Amino acid sequence: MPSSHLARPSRSSGPPGPARSAPPPPPDVVSRLRAAGCVFAEDEAALLCATARTPDELAAMVERRALGQPLEHVLGWAEFCGLRIAVDPGVFVPRRRTEFLVEQALGLRRRPVGPEPGARRRPTVVVDLCCGSGAVGAALAAGLERVELYAADVEPAAVRCARRNVGPVGGTVHEGDLFGPLPPGLRGRVDVLVANVPYVPTEEVGLLPAEAREYEPLVALDGGVDGLDVLRRVTGAAPQWLAPGGHLLVETSERQAPRAVEAFTGAGLRPRIARSEELYATVIVGTRPDPAAHGNRGGKSDEGRSGGALS
């Protein structure tokens, strides 16, 4: 049964924002989508009608959606943090809950980077691992004053798609496994490292909606036996890439958070759990200790509901 807007691992309610000030969609389109099981048939029909350029194209799009393809793949875009992100077939669809990860990252960098008040801000060095469509990196570039942005993904289709979203904001996208394809000169320079890693346990992948199982790459969903295999790899290598005082942010599930925190602590990062009840989102924020900073607390852990800047 088609739904819409998958979250990792499950979708939150509602399709991308419906077309505004548009005439009501044809009843036959709504009926076809409703019969296929689309919960938000009216909104989806309005989006399809607004996107299609010809009646034949509309008919083909409605049929693709009715057969179960993700709405975002049919439209060719997804709404994320107020941006329209290009999403190609076979590419992981950005999840609404991941907007919370972006909010946390933006909150960490809303402070001067220069040596004293009034100093010119240097660019914030941002790396988006497991970038998929590049939605997270593009949203951070839109929300920060100055950004030096890099993204990477192992999936060629994702890399091609991410370049369409990240290129216009001055970012570069690299193809390869995690840190492997990144420029070596980034080591020790990264201020914000975001990694929307796959975290669905292998045995639970089969329980995901068909939209994810059948139309998104397995490598973007399967996180290993306990769902934390990729997270552990990222946290283990992150301190080599983070600048002193730099932050790693990873999305996970609420039940996986305690084990994720152990991985952060074991890597020498100071972890904090941030949660959003509204988006049903959990983000682990880890900071590389800065020996030059006053009040450095080493490996202790903080937990908060919404989170904020770590000092």
Protein backbone atom coordinates (compact mmCIF):
# COMPACT_ATOMS: atom_id res chain seq x y z
CA MET A 1 0.00 0.00 0.00
CA PRO A 2 1.63 3.28 -1.05
CA SER A 3 2.27 5.83 1.67
CA SER A 4 4.49 8.85 1.38
CA HIS A 5 7.61 10.51 2.77
CA LEU A 6 9.52 7.59 4.26
CA ALA A 7 11.64 8.35 7.30
CA ARG A 8 14.74 6.32 8.02
CA PRO A 9 13.56 3.71 8.86
CA SER A 10 9.87 4.74 8.49
CA ARG A 11 8.04 7.67 6.95
CA SER A 12 6.45 10.49 8.88
CA SER A 13 2.94 11.57 7.93
CA GLY A 14 2.15 13.57 4.84
CA PRO A 15 3.55 14.07 1.36
CA PRO A 16 5.69 17.03 0.29
CA GLY A 17 3.74 20.27 0.69
CA PRO A 18 0.67 20.32 -1.55
CA ALA A 19 0.47 22.79 -4.39
CA ARG A 20 -0.93 26.12 -3.25
CA SER A 21 -3.65 28.13 -5.03
CA ALA A 22 -4.10 25.31 -7.51
CA PRO A 23 -7.45 24.04 -8.83
CA PRO A 24 -8.75 20.81 -7.30
CA PRO A 25 -7.24 17.73 -8.93
CA PRO A 26 -9.46 15.67 -11.25
CA PRO A 27 -11.69 13.26 -9.28
CA ASP A 28 -10.53 10.29 -11.35
CA VAL A 29 -6.91 10.91 -10.36
CA VAL A 30 -7.84 11.11 -6.68
CA SER A 31 -9.94 7.96 -6.97
CA ARG A 32 -7.13 6.03 -8.66
CA LEU A 33 -4.65 6.97 -5.93
CA ARG A 34 -7.12 6.28 -3.13
CA ALA A 35 -7.92 2.88 -4.59
CA ALA A 36 -4.18 2.12 -4.63
CA GLY A 37 -4.01 2.86 -0.91
CA CYS A 38 -2.56 6.39 -0.90
CA VAL A 39 -3.56 7.88 2.43
CA PHE A 40 -3.11 11.47 1.24
CA ALA A 41 -4.70 10.94 -2.19
CA GLU A 42 -5.98 14.51 -2.63
CA ASP A 43 -2.66 16.14 -1.76
CA GLU A 44 -0.68 13.70 -3.87
CA ALA A 45 -3.03 14.19 -6.82
CA ALA A 46 -2.56 17.96 -6.56
CA LEU A 47 1.23 17.58 -6.60
CA LEU A 48 1.17 15.21 -9.56
CA CYS A 49 -1.13 17.53 -11.52
CA ALA A 50 1.09 20.53 -10.76
CA THR A 51 4.21 18.66 -11.89
CA ALA A 52 2.98 16.91 -15.04
CA ARG A 53 3.38 18.89 -18.26
CA THR A 54 0.89 16.95 -20.37
CA PRO A 55 -2.16 14.72 -19.77
CA ASP A 56 -0.17 11.70 -20.94
CA GLU A 57 2.64 12.49 -18.51
CA LEU A 58 0.12 12.87 -15.69
CA ALA A 59 -1.42 9.50 -16.51
CA ALA A 60 2.00 7.85 -16.46
CA MET A 61 2.91 9.49 -13.14
CA VAL A 62 -0.36 8.46 -11.53
CA GLU A 63 0.16 4.88 -12.70
CA ARG A 64 3.72 4.78 -11.31
CA ARG A 65 2.48 6.06 -7.96
CA ALA A 66 -0.45 3.66 -7.90
CA LEU A 67 1.98 0.78 -8.50
CA GLY A 68 3.82 1.74 -5.33
CA GLN A 69 6.74 3.91 -6.40
CA PRO A 70 7.65 6.56 -3.83
CA LEU A 71 5.88 9.83 -4.52
CA GLU A 72 9.19 11.69 -4.42
CA HIS A 73 10.64 9.45 -7.14
CA VAL A 74 7.57 10.04 -9.28
CA LEU A 75 7.70 13.81 -8.78
CA GLY A 76 11.47 13.96 -9.11
CA TRP A 77 11.85 16.01 -5.93
CA ALA A 78 11.25 16.05 -2.17
CA GLU A 79 10.61 18.92 0.19
CA PHE A 80 13.29 19.10 2.89
CA CYS A 81 13.97 21.97 5.29
CA GLY A 82 12.00 24.26 3.01
CA LEU A 83 14.08 23.31 -0.03
CA ARG A 84 13.09 21.40 -3.14
CA ILE A 85 15.63 18.56 -3.35
CA ALA A 86 16.02 16.63 -6.59
CA VAL A 87 15.48 12.90 -6.01
CA ASP A 88 16.15 10.43 -8.80
CA PRO A 89 14.75 6.88 -9.03
CA GLY A 90 16.86 4.47 -7.00
CA VAL A 91 18.08 7.20 -4.64
CA PHE A 92 17.27 7.30 -0.93
CA VAL A 93 14.43 9.74 -0.24
CA PRO A 94 15.28 12.41 2.39
CA ARG A 95 13.17 11.87 5.49
CA ARG A 96 11.21 14.54 7.32
CA ARG A 97 12.66 13.40 10.66
CA THR A 98 16.17 14.13 9.42
CA GLU A 99 15.31 17.84 9.49
CA PHE A 100 15.95 17.54 13.23
CA LEU A 101 19.55 16.52 12.53
CA VAL A 102 19.95 19.64 10.40
CA GLU A 103 18.46 21.80 13.17
CA GLN A 104 20.95 20.39 15.67
CA ALA A 105 23.89 21.02 13.34
CA LEU A 106 22.80 24.59 12.64
CA GLY A 107 22.47 25.29 16.35
CA LEU A 108 26.07 24.24 16.94
CA ARG A 109 27.48 26.73 14.45
CA ARG A 110 25.43 29.81 15.28
CA ARG A 111 28.35 31.46 17.05
CA PRO A 112 31.46 33.37 15.93
CA VAL A 113 34.33 31.35 14.50
CA GLY A 114 36.85 34.19 14.49
CA PRO A 115 39.30 34.82 17.35
CA GLU A 116 37.26 37.66 18.88
CA PRO A 117 33.83 39.33 18.64
CA GLY A 118 33.39 41.11 15.35
CA ALA A 119 36.06 39.06 13.60
CA ARG A 120 35.25 37.90 10.07
CA ARG A 121 33.76 34.44 10.10
CA ARG A 122 35.78 31.78 8.37
CA PRO A 123 33.80 29.20 6.41
CA THR A 124 32.34 26.34 8.41
CA VAL A 125 33.84 23.11 7.07
CA VAL A 126 30.96 20.65 6.64
CA VAL A 127 31.10 17.01 5.54
CA ASP A 128 27.94 15.06 4.69
CA LEU A 129 28.62 11.31 4.72
CA CYS A 130 26.12 8.75 3.39
CA CYS A 131 24.73 11.83 1.66
CA GLY A 132 22.15 10.17 -0.59
CA SER A 133 20.55 13.03 -2.52
CA GLY A 134 22.72 15.56 -0.68
CA ALA A 135 19.69 17.01 1.12
CA VAL A 136 21.40 17.44 4.50
CA GLY A 137 24.45 19.16 3.04
CA ALA A 138 22.31 21.45 0.87
CA ALA A 139 20.15 22.40 3.88
CA LEU A 140 23.23 23.20 5.98
CA ALA A 141 24.67 25.33 3.20
CA ALA A 142 21.37 27.23 3.04
CA GLY A 143 21.29 27.76 6.81
CA LEU A 144 24.89 28.75 7.51
CA GLU A 145 26.58 32.03 6.63
CA ARG A 146 29.66 30.63 4.89
CA VAL A 147 30.29 26.95 4.17
CA GLU A 148 33.04 24.79 2.74
CA LEU A 149 30.94 21.74 1.89
CA TYR A 150 31.90 18.18 0.96
CA ALA A 151 29.63 15.16 0.56
CA ALA A 152 30.20 11.48 -0.15
CA ASP A 153 28.20 8.36 -0.92
CA VAL A 154 29.04 4.86 -2.10
CA GLU A 155 26.10 4.69 -4.53
CA PRO A 156 26.83 6.09 -8.02
CA ALA A 157 23.18 7.07 -8.55
CA ALA A 158 23.18 8.97 -5.26
CA VAL A 159 26.40 10.77 -6.18
CA ARG A 160 24.95 11.91 -9.50
CA CYS A 161 21.81 13.13 -7.78
CA ALA A 162 23.69 14.83 -4.93
CA ARG A 163 25.80 16.79 -7.41
CA ARG A 164 22.61 18.37 -8.73
CA ASN A 165 21.67 19.52 -5.22
CA VAL A 166 25.07 20.30 -3.71
CA GLY A 167 26.85 21.74 -6.74
CA PRO A 168 24.72 24.92 -6.95
CA VAL A 169 25.67 25.84 -3.35
CA GLY A 170 29.38 25.39 -4.04
CA GLY A 171 29.79 21.90 -2.56
CA THR A 172 31.63 18.94 -4.01
CA VAL A 173 30.44 15.32 -3.98
CA HIS A 174 32.79 12.32 -3.90
CA GLU A 175 32.00 8.69 -4.73
CA GLY A 176 33.27 6.03 -2.36
CA ASP A 177 32.93 4.39 1.04
CA LEU A 178 32.58 6.82 3.95
CA PHE A 179 35.79 8.84 4.48
CA GLY A 180 37.72 7.01 1.75
CA PRO A 181 37.07 9.40 -1.15
CA LEU A 182 37.43 12.64 0.84
CA PRO A 183 40.41 14.94 0.17
CA PRO A 184 43.20 14.08 2.67
CA GLY A 185 43.60 17.78 3.44
CA LEU A 186 40.29 17.69 5.32
CA ARG A 187 41.81 15.64 8.15
CA GLY A 188 41.61 17.60 11.37
CA ARG A 189 39.68 20.47 9.75
CA VAL A 190 36.01 19.42 9.81
CA ASP A 191 33.76 21.58 12.01
CA VAL A 192 30.51 19.71 11.37
CA LEU A 193 30.39 16.08 10.25
CA VAL A 194 26.88 14.79 9.56
CA ALA A 195 26.26 11.15 8.74
CA ASN A 196 22.72 9.93 8.14
CA VAL A 197 23.91 6.33 8.30
CA PRO A 198 21.67 3.32 7.63
CA TYR A 199 20.50 2.01 10.99
CA VAL A 200 17.80 -0.58 10.30
CA PRO A 201 18.87 -3.98 11.73
CA THR A 202 19.28 -6.53 8.94
CA GLU A 203 16.48 -8.77 10.15
CA GLU A 204 14.07 -5.80 10.21
CA VAL A 205 14.68 -4.57 6.66
CA GLY A 206 11.99 -6.95 5.44
CA LEU A 207 9.48 -5.19 7.69
CA LEU A 208 9.96 -1.81 6.02
CA PRO A 209 7.27 -0.45 3.68
CA ALA A 210 7.55 -1.75 0.13
CA GLU A 211 8.43 1.76 -1.07
CA ALA A 212 11.74 1.50 0.77
CA ARG A 213 12.44 -2.20 0.23
CA GLU A 214 11.74 -2.18 -3.49
CA TYR A 215 12.80 1.27 -4.65
CA GLU A 216 15.66 2.43 -2.42
CA PRO A 217 19.17 0.94 -2.30
CA LEU A 218 19.71 -1.68 0.39
CA VAL A 219 23.01 -0.08 1.35
CA ALA A 220 21.05 3.01 2.46
CA LEU A 221 18.79 0.96 4.75
CA ASP A 222 20.67 -2.04 6.20
CA GLY A 223 22.78 -1.14 9.23
CA GLY A 224 23.95 -4.67 10.06
CA VAL A 225 22.95 -7.09 12.79
CA ASP A 226 22.08 -4.45 15.39
CA GLY A 227 21.77 -1.55 12.96
CA LEU A 228 24.92 0.17 14.19
CA ASP A 229 27.67 -1.27 11.97
CA VAL A 230 28.09 1.86 9.84
CA LEU A 231 27.65 4.16 12.82
CA ARG A 232 30.56 2.44 14.58
CA ARG A 233 32.76 2.79 11.51
CA VAL A 234 31.97 6.50 11.26
CA THR A 235 32.52 7.24 14.94
CA GLY A 236 35.74 5.23 15.01
CA ALA A 237 37.32 7.33 12.25
CA ALA A 238 35.65 10.68 12.96
CA PRO A 239 38.22 12.03 15.48
CA GLN A 240 40.90 11.92 12.76
CA TRP A 241 38.81 14.24 10.58
CA LEU A 242 37.19 16.56 13.12
CA ALA A 243 38.83 19.82 14.10
CA PRO A 244 39.35 20.31 17.86
CA GLY A 245 35.89 21.19 19.15
CA GLY A 246 34.31 19.84 15.95
CA HIS A 247 31.07 17.87 16.03
CA LEU A 248 29.78 14.58 14.64
CA LEU A 249 26.00 14.21 14.32
CA VAL A 250 24.36 10.86 13.55
CA GLU A 251 20.69 9.92 13.38
CA THR A 252 19.63 6.69 15.06
CA SER A 253 16.61 5.18 16.78
CA GLU A 254 15.67 5.80 20.39
CA ARG A 255 16.28 2.19 21.40
CA GLN A 256 19.71 2.17 19.74
CA ALA A 257 20.83 5.42 21.37
CA PRO A 258 22.55 3.91 24.46
CA ARG A 259 24.76 1.64 22.33
CA ALA A 260 25.43 4.50 19.92
CA VAL A 261 26.60 6.65 22.82
CA GLU A 262 29.00 3.88 23.83
CA ALA A 263 30.50 3.98 20.33
CA PHE A 264 30.96 7.75 20.55
CA THR A 265 32.56 7.55 23.98
CA GLY A 266 34.82 4.70 22.91
CA ALA A 267 36.10 6.84 20.04
CA GLY A 268 36.97 9.67 22.41
CA LEU A 269 34.04 11.93 21.52
CA ARG A 270 31.92 13.69 24.13
CA PRO A 271 28.34 12.54 23.36
CA ARG A 272 24.94 14.08 23.87
CA ILE A 273 21.52 12.69 22.94
CA ALA A 274 19.00 15.05 21.38
CA ARG A 275 15.40 14.01 20.80
CA SER A 276 12.38 15.43 19.01
CA GLU A 277 9.07 13.96 20.08
CA GLU A 278 7.29 15.80 17.26
CA LEU A 279 9.42 14.24 14.52
CA TYR A 280 10.09 11.02 16.44
CA ALA A 281 13.78 11.65 15.84
CA THR A 282 16.91 10.83 17.82
CA VAL A 283 20.30 12.35 17.08
CA ILE A 284 23.62 11.67 18.78
CA VAL A 285 25.91 14.69 18.87
CA GLY A 286 29.56 13.98 19.62
CA THR A 287 32.25 16.59 20.13
CA ARG A 288 35.97 16.14 19.72
CA PRO A 289 37.53 17.61 22.90
CA ASP A 290 39.50 20.81 22.39
CA PRO A 291 42.47 20.92 24.77
CA ALA A 292 42.65 24.69 24.32
CA ALA A 293 39.05 25.25 25.43
CA HIS A 294 38.24 26.10 29.03
CA GLY A 295 35.97 23.76 30.94
CA ASN A 296 36.55 20.75 28.69
CA ARG A 297 34.76 17.83 30.34
CA GLY A 298 36.41 14.97 28.51
CA GLY A 299 34.21 11.96 27.85
CA LYS A 300 31.17 12.81 29.98
CA SER A 301 27.73 12.59 28.43
CA ASP A 302 24.82 15.04 28.39
CA GLU A 303 21.27 14.38 27.34
CA GLY A 304 18.68 16.93 26.29
CA ARG A 305 15.31 17.12 24.62
CA SER A 306 16.19 19.59 21.93
CA GLY A 307 19.90 20.21 22.36
CA GLY A 308 22.09 23.23 21.69
CA ALA A 309 25.65 24.30 21.17
CA LEU A 310 28.33 22.35 22.93
CA SER A 311 31.21 24.32 24.33
